[in-house]
């Protein structure tokens, strides 16, 4: 089994080939190719490469599938005994990526 741990948009993700990945909104357009060089770990069967902090000459190729919005969450502000109540919603913008390849 081949997988890698990458750093993208300030977060770390474990990715495998042909996996779909949902991250916070990226500036790339739908259909663009993205190459991530911030690879922290690469595992290919029994061969393990650990970066210090990054694995040298390793990269992960990603394809931007589409952009979407997450499920709506409700945010409530409330203060007792003062008749203060506020309710509003939030939908986070997201980008769906497909892992096309891992090279080490």
N, C-alpha and C. Protein backbone atom coordinates (compact mmCIF):
# COMPACT_ATOMS: atom_id res chain seq x y z
N UNK A 1 0.85 -1.18 0.00
CA UNK A 1 0.00 0.00 0.00
C UNK A 1 0.89 1.24 0.00
N UNK A 2 0.57 2.17 -0.87
CA UNK A 2 1.35 3.40 -1.00
C UNK A 2 0.51 4.57 -0.50
N UNK A 3 1.11 5.37 0.39
CA UNK A 3 0.44 6.58 0.84
C UNK A 3 1.49 7.60 1.26
N UNK A 4 1.03 8.84 1.45
CA UNK A 4 1.92 9.93 1.85
C UNK A 4 1.18 10.84 2.81
N UNK A 5 1.94 11.55 3.61
CA UNK A 5 1.38 12.60 4.46
C UNK A 5 1.90 13.92 3.94
N UNK A 6 0.95 14.80 3.56
CA UNK A 6 1.32 16.08 2.97
C UNK A 6 0.83 17.22 3.84
N UNK A 7 1.41 18.40 3.59
CA UNK A 7 0.95 19.61 4.26
C UNK A 7 0.38 20.52 3.19
N UNK A 8 -0.90 20.87 3.34
CA UNK A 8 -1.60 21.69 2.35
C UNK A 8 -2.55 22.63 3.07
N UNK A 9 -2.46 23.90 2.77
CA UNK A 9 -3.33 24.92 3.35
C UNK A 9 -3.23 24.95 4.87
N UNK A 10 -2.02 24.73 5.40
CA UNK A 10 -1.81 24.81 6.84
C UNK A 10 -2.26 23.60 7.62
N UNK A 11 -2.66 22.53 6.94
CA UNK A 11 -3.12 21.31 7.61
C UNK A 11 -2.40 20.11 7.01
N UNK A 12 -2.40 19.01 7.74
CA UNK A 12 -1.76 17.79 7.27
C UNK A 12 -2.81 16.76 6.88
N UNK A 13 -2.56 16.06 5.77
CA UNK A 13 -3.49 15.06 5.26
C UNK A 13 -2.74 13.80 4.88
N UNK A 14 -3.36 12.65 5.15
CA UNK A 14 -2.84 11.38 4.66
C UNK A 14 -3.55 11.08 3.34
N UNK A 15 -2.78 10.90 2.26
CA UNK A 15 -3.38 10.72 0.94
C UNK A 15 -2.88 9.42 0.31
N UNK A 16 -3.75 8.81 -0.49
CA UNK A 16 -3.45 7.61 -1.26
C UNK A 16 -3.81 7.90 -2.71
N UNK A 17 -3.23 7.17 -3.67
CA UNK A 17 -3.59 7.38 -5.07
C UNK A 17 -5.09 7.14 -5.30
N UNK A 18 -5.70 7.95 -6.18
CA UNK A 18 -7.12 7.90 -6.55
C UNK A 18 -8.07 8.22 -5.39
N UNK A 19 -7.59 8.89 -4.37
CA UNK A 19 -8.42 9.29 -3.24
C UNK A 19 -8.96 10.69 -3.48
N UNK A 20 -10.20 10.95 -3.04
CA UNK A 20 -10.75 12.31 -3.07
C UNK A 20 -10.48 12.95 -1.72
N UNK A 21 -10.08 14.22 -1.77
CA UNK A 21 -9.68 14.96 -0.59
C UNK A 21 -10.43 16.28 -0.55
N UNK A 22 -11.01 16.62 0.60
CA UNK A 22 -11.74 17.88 0.74
C UNK A 22 -10.93 18.79 1.65
N UNK A 23 -10.55 19.96 1.12
CA UNK A 23 -9.76 20.94 1.87
C UNK A 23 -10.47 22.29 1.82
N UNK A 24 -9.97 23.24 2.62
CA UNK A 24 -10.50 24.60 2.55
C UNK A 24 -10.27 25.17 1.15
N UNK A 25 -11.03 26.17 0.79
CA UNK A 25 -11.01 26.72 -0.57
C UNK A 25 -9.61 27.13 -1.00
N UNK A 26 -9.21 26.66 -2.19
CA UNK A 26 -7.93 27.01 -2.79
C UNK A 26 -8.17 27.94 -3.98
N UNK A 27 -7.19 28.77 -4.35
CA UNK A 27 -7.40 29.72 -5.45
C UNK A 27 -7.40 29.08 -6.84
N UNK A 28 -7.04 27.80 -6.97
CA UNK A 28 -7.00 27.14 -8.27
C UNK A 28 -8.42 26.94 -8.82
N UNK A 29 -8.52 26.93 -10.14
CA UNK A 29 -9.82 26.75 -10.80
C UNK A 29 -10.10 25.27 -11.02
N UNK A 30 -11.35 24.96 -11.32
CA UNK A 30 -11.75 23.59 -11.60
C UNK A 30 -11.00 23.07 -12.82
N UNK A 31 -10.45 21.86 -12.69
CA UNK A 31 -9.72 21.25 -13.79
C UNK A 31 -8.22 21.49 -13.76
N UNK A 32 -7.75 22.34 -12.86
CA UNK A 32 -6.31 22.62 -12.76
C UNK A 32 -5.57 21.45 -12.12
N UNK A 33 -4.28 21.38 -12.43
CA UNK A 33 -3.40 20.40 -11.80
C UNK A 33 -2.59 21.12 -10.72
N UNK A 34 -2.37 20.45 -9.61
CA UNK A 34 -1.67 21.04 -8.48
C UNK A 34 -0.59 20.06 -8.03
N UNK A 35 0.60 20.56 -7.78
CA UNK A 35 1.70 19.70 -7.32
C UNK A 35 2.13 20.18 -5.94
N UNK A 36 2.05 19.29 -4.96
CA UNK A 36 2.41 19.61 -3.58
C UNK A 36 3.80 19.03 -3.30
N UNK A 37 4.73 19.88 -2.89
CA UNK A 37 6.08 19.42 -2.58
C UNK A 37 6.33 19.35 -1.08
N UNK A 38 5.36 19.78 -0.28
CA UNK A 38 5.48 19.69 1.18
C UNK A 38 5.04 18.30 1.63
N UNK A 39 5.90 17.31 1.39
CA UNK A 39 5.61 15.92 1.72
C UNK A 39 6.40 15.57 2.97
N UNK A 40 5.70 15.13 4.02
CA UNK A 40 6.33 14.84 5.30
C UNK A 40 6.72 13.38 5.45
N UNK A 41 5.99 12.47 4.76
CA UNK A 41 6.24 11.04 4.89
C UNK A 41 5.75 10.34 3.64
N UNK A 42 6.51 9.36 3.16
CA UNK A 42 6.09 8.54 2.02
C UNK A 42 6.28 7.08 2.41
N UNK A 43 5.22 6.28 2.26
CA UNK A 43 5.27 4.85 2.54
C UNK A 43 4.91 4.12 1.27
N UNK A 44 5.81 3.21 0.84
CA UNK A 44 5.57 2.39 -0.35
C UNK A 44 5.88 0.94 0.02
N UNK A 45 4.87 0.24 0.53
CA UNK A 45 5.08 -1.13 0.99
C UNK A 45 5.93 -1.13 2.25
N UNK A 46 7.10 -1.76 2.17
CA UNK A 46 8.03 -1.81 3.31
C UNK A 46 8.99 -0.64 3.33
N UNK A 47 9.02 0.14 2.25
CA UNK A 47 9.94 1.27 2.15
C UNK A 47 9.28 2.52 2.74
N UNK A 48 9.91 3.08 3.78
CA UNK A 48 9.37 4.25 4.47
C UNK A 48 10.40 5.37 4.40
N UNK A 49 9.97 6.55 3.92
CA UNK A 49 10.83 7.73 3.88
C UNK A 49 10.23 8.79 4.79
N UNK A 50 10.97 9.17 5.81
CA UNK A 50 10.52 10.18 6.75
C UNK A 50 11.32 11.45 6.49
N UNK A 51 10.63 12.57 6.38
CA UNK A 51 11.29 13.84 6.11
C UNK A 51 11.83 14.50 7.36
N UNK A 52 12.81 15.38 7.16
CA UNK A 52 13.36 16.14 8.28
C UNK A 52 13.46 17.62 7.91
N UNK A 53 12.45 18.39 7.81
CA UNK A 53 11.04 18.06 8.00
C UNK A 53 10.35 17.55 6.73
N UNK A 54 10.95 17.76 5.54
CA UNK A 54 10.31 17.34 4.29
C UNK A 54 11.14 16.25 3.62
N UNK A 55 10.44 15.38 2.87
CA UNK A 55 11.12 14.35 2.10
C UNK A 55 11.68 15.00 0.84
N UNK A 56 12.96 14.81 0.60
CA UNK A 56 13.62 15.44 -0.53
C UNK A 56 13.14 14.82 -1.84
N UNK A 57 12.87 15.65 -2.85
CA UNK A 57 12.45 15.25 -4.20
C UNK A 57 11.14 14.46 -4.22
N UNK A 58 10.31 14.60 -3.21
CA UNK A 58 9.01 13.92 -3.19
C UNK A 58 7.92 14.93 -3.52
N UNK A 59 6.89 14.46 -4.22
CA UNK A 59 5.76 15.34 -4.54
C UNK A 59 4.50 14.52 -4.71
N UNK A 60 3.38 15.19 -4.58
CA UNK A 60 2.07 14.57 -4.76
C UNK A 60 1.32 15.41 -5.79
N UNK A 61 0.81 14.75 -6.82
CA UNK A 61 0.05 15.43 -7.87
C UNK A 61 -1.44 15.36 -7.54
N UNK A 62 -2.09 16.52 -7.65
CA UNK A 62 -3.52 16.62 -7.34
C UNK A 62 -4.26 17.24 -8.52
N UNK A 63 -5.51 16.84 -8.71
CA UNK A 63 -6.38 17.40 -9.74
C UNK A 63 -7.56 18.05 -9.05
N UNK A 64 -7.86 19.32 -9.39
CA UNK A 64 -8.97 20.03 -8.77
C UNK A 64 -10.27 19.58 -9.44
N UNK A 65 -11.10 18.87 -8.70
CA UNK A 65 -12.37 18.37 -9.22
C UNK A 65 -13.40 19.50 -9.31
N UNK A 66 -13.72 20.11 -8.17
CA UNK A 66 -14.67 21.22 -8.14
C UNK A 66 -14.62 21.92 -6.79
N UNK A 67 -15.30 23.06 -6.72
CA UNK A 67 -15.45 23.79 -5.46
C UNK A 67 -16.87 23.59 -4.96
N UNK A 68 -17.04 23.59 -3.66
CA UNK A 68 -18.36 23.38 -3.08
C UNK A 68 -18.44 24.10 -1.74
N UNK A 69 -19.61 24.05 -1.14
CA UNK A 69 -19.79 24.60 0.20
C UNK A 69 -20.15 23.45 1.14
N UNK A 70 -19.67 23.55 2.36
CA UNK A 70 -19.92 22.52 3.37
C UNK A 70 -21.35 22.65 3.89
N UNK A 71 -21.73 21.70 4.70
CA UNK A 71 -23.04 21.72 5.33
C UNK A 71 -23.14 22.94 6.26
N UNK A 72 -24.31 23.53 6.35
CA UNK A 72 -24.49 24.73 7.14
C UNK A 72 -24.45 24.41 8.63
N UNK A 73 -23.74 25.27 9.37
CA UNK A 73 -23.74 25.14 10.82
C UNK A 73 -24.43 26.36 11.42
N UNK A 74 -25.05 26.17 12.56
CA UNK A 74 -25.71 27.27 13.25
C UNK A 74 -24.82 27.75 14.38
N UNK A 75 -24.67 29.06 14.46
CA UNK A 75 -23.88 29.67 15.53
C UNK A 75 -24.83 30.48 16.39
N UNK A 76 -24.80 30.24 17.70
CA UNK A 76 -25.73 30.89 18.61
C UNK A 76 -24.95 31.66 19.65
N UNK A 77 -25.34 32.92 19.84
CA UNK A 77 -24.80 33.73 20.92
C UNK A 77 -25.95 33.96 21.90
N UNK A 78 -25.68 33.79 23.18
CA UNK A 78 -26.73 33.89 24.18
C UNK A 78 -26.15 34.40 25.48
N UNK A 79 -26.85 35.37 26.08
CA UNK A 79 -26.48 35.84 27.41
C UNK A 79 -27.72 35.77 28.28
N UNK A 80 -27.60 35.08 29.38
CA UNK A 80 -28.76 34.89 30.24
C UNK A 80 -29.14 36.19 30.96
N UNK A 81 -30.38 36.32 31.24
CA UNK A 81 -30.96 37.42 32.01
C UNK A 81 -30.83 38.79 31.36
N UNK A 82 -30.47 38.84 30.08
CA UNK A 82 -30.34 40.15 29.44
C UNK A 82 -31.07 40.23 28.11
N UNK A 83 -31.82 39.18 27.78
CA UNK A 83 -32.61 39.12 26.54
C UNK A 83 -31.75 39.27 25.30
N UNK A 84 -30.54 38.76 25.34
CA UNK A 84 -29.65 38.84 24.19
C UNK A 84 -29.52 37.46 23.55
N UNK A 85 -30.01 37.35 22.32
CA UNK A 85 -29.92 36.11 21.56
C UNK A 85 -29.63 36.44 20.11
N UNK A 86 -28.64 35.80 19.53
CA UNK A 86 -28.33 35.96 18.11
C UNK A 86 -28.08 34.57 17.53
N UNK A 87 -28.69 34.29 16.39
CA UNK A 87 -28.49 33.03 15.70
C UNK A 87 -28.15 33.34 14.25
N UNK A 88 -27.06 32.81 13.78
CA UNK A 88 -26.72 32.95 12.37
C UNK A 88 -26.05 31.67 11.90
N UNK A 89 -25.96 31.52 10.58
CA UNK A 89 -25.39 30.31 10.00
C UNK A 89 -24.11 30.60 9.26
N UNK A 90 -23.38 29.52 8.96
CA UNK A 90 -22.12 29.64 8.23
C UNK A 90 -21.93 28.41 7.36
N UNK A 91 -21.51 28.62 6.11
CA UNK A 91 -21.16 27.52 5.21
C UNK A 91 -19.74 27.75 4.72
N UNK A 92 -18.85 26.84 5.06
CA UNK A 92 -17.44 26.95 4.70
C UNK A 92 -17.25 26.58 3.23
N UNK A 93 -16.49 27.36 2.49
CA UNK A 93 -16.16 27.04 1.11
C UNK A 93 -15.05 26.00 1.09
N UNK A 94 -15.19 25.01 0.19
CA UNK A 94 -14.24 23.91 0.13
C UNK A 94 -13.84 23.61 -1.31
N UNK A 95 -12.70 22.95 -1.47
CA UNK A 95 -12.23 22.47 -2.75
C UNK A 95 -12.09 20.96 -2.67
N UNK A 96 -12.61 20.25 -3.67
CA UNK A 96 -12.48 18.80 -3.73
C UNK A 96 -11.34 18.47 -4.68
N UNK A 97 -10.35 17.72 -4.17
CA UNK A 97 -9.17 17.35 -4.93
C UNK A 97 -9.13 15.84 -5.13
N UNK A 98 -8.52 15.39 -6.24
CA UNK A 98 -8.31 13.96 -6.47
C UNK A 98 -6.82 13.74 -6.58
N UNK A 99 -6.30 12.78 -5.84
CA UNK A 99 -4.88 12.46 -5.85
C UNK A 99 -4.59 11.64 -7.11
N UNK A 100 -3.73 12.15 -7.98
CA UNK A 100 -3.42 11.44 -9.22
C UNK A 100 -2.11 10.68 -9.15
N UNK A 101 -1.20 11.07 -8.23
CA UNK A 101 0.05 10.34 -8.16
C UNK A 101 0.92 10.77 -6.99
N UNK A 102 1.72 9.82 -6.51
CA UNK A 102 2.68 10.09 -5.44
C UNK A 102 4.05 9.67 -5.96
N UNK A 103 4.98 10.62 -5.97
CA UNK A 103 6.34 10.30 -6.43
C UNK A 103 7.33 10.60 -5.31
N UNK A 104 8.29 9.71 -5.14
CA UNK A 104 9.28 9.90 -4.09
C UNK A 104 10.68 9.75 -4.65
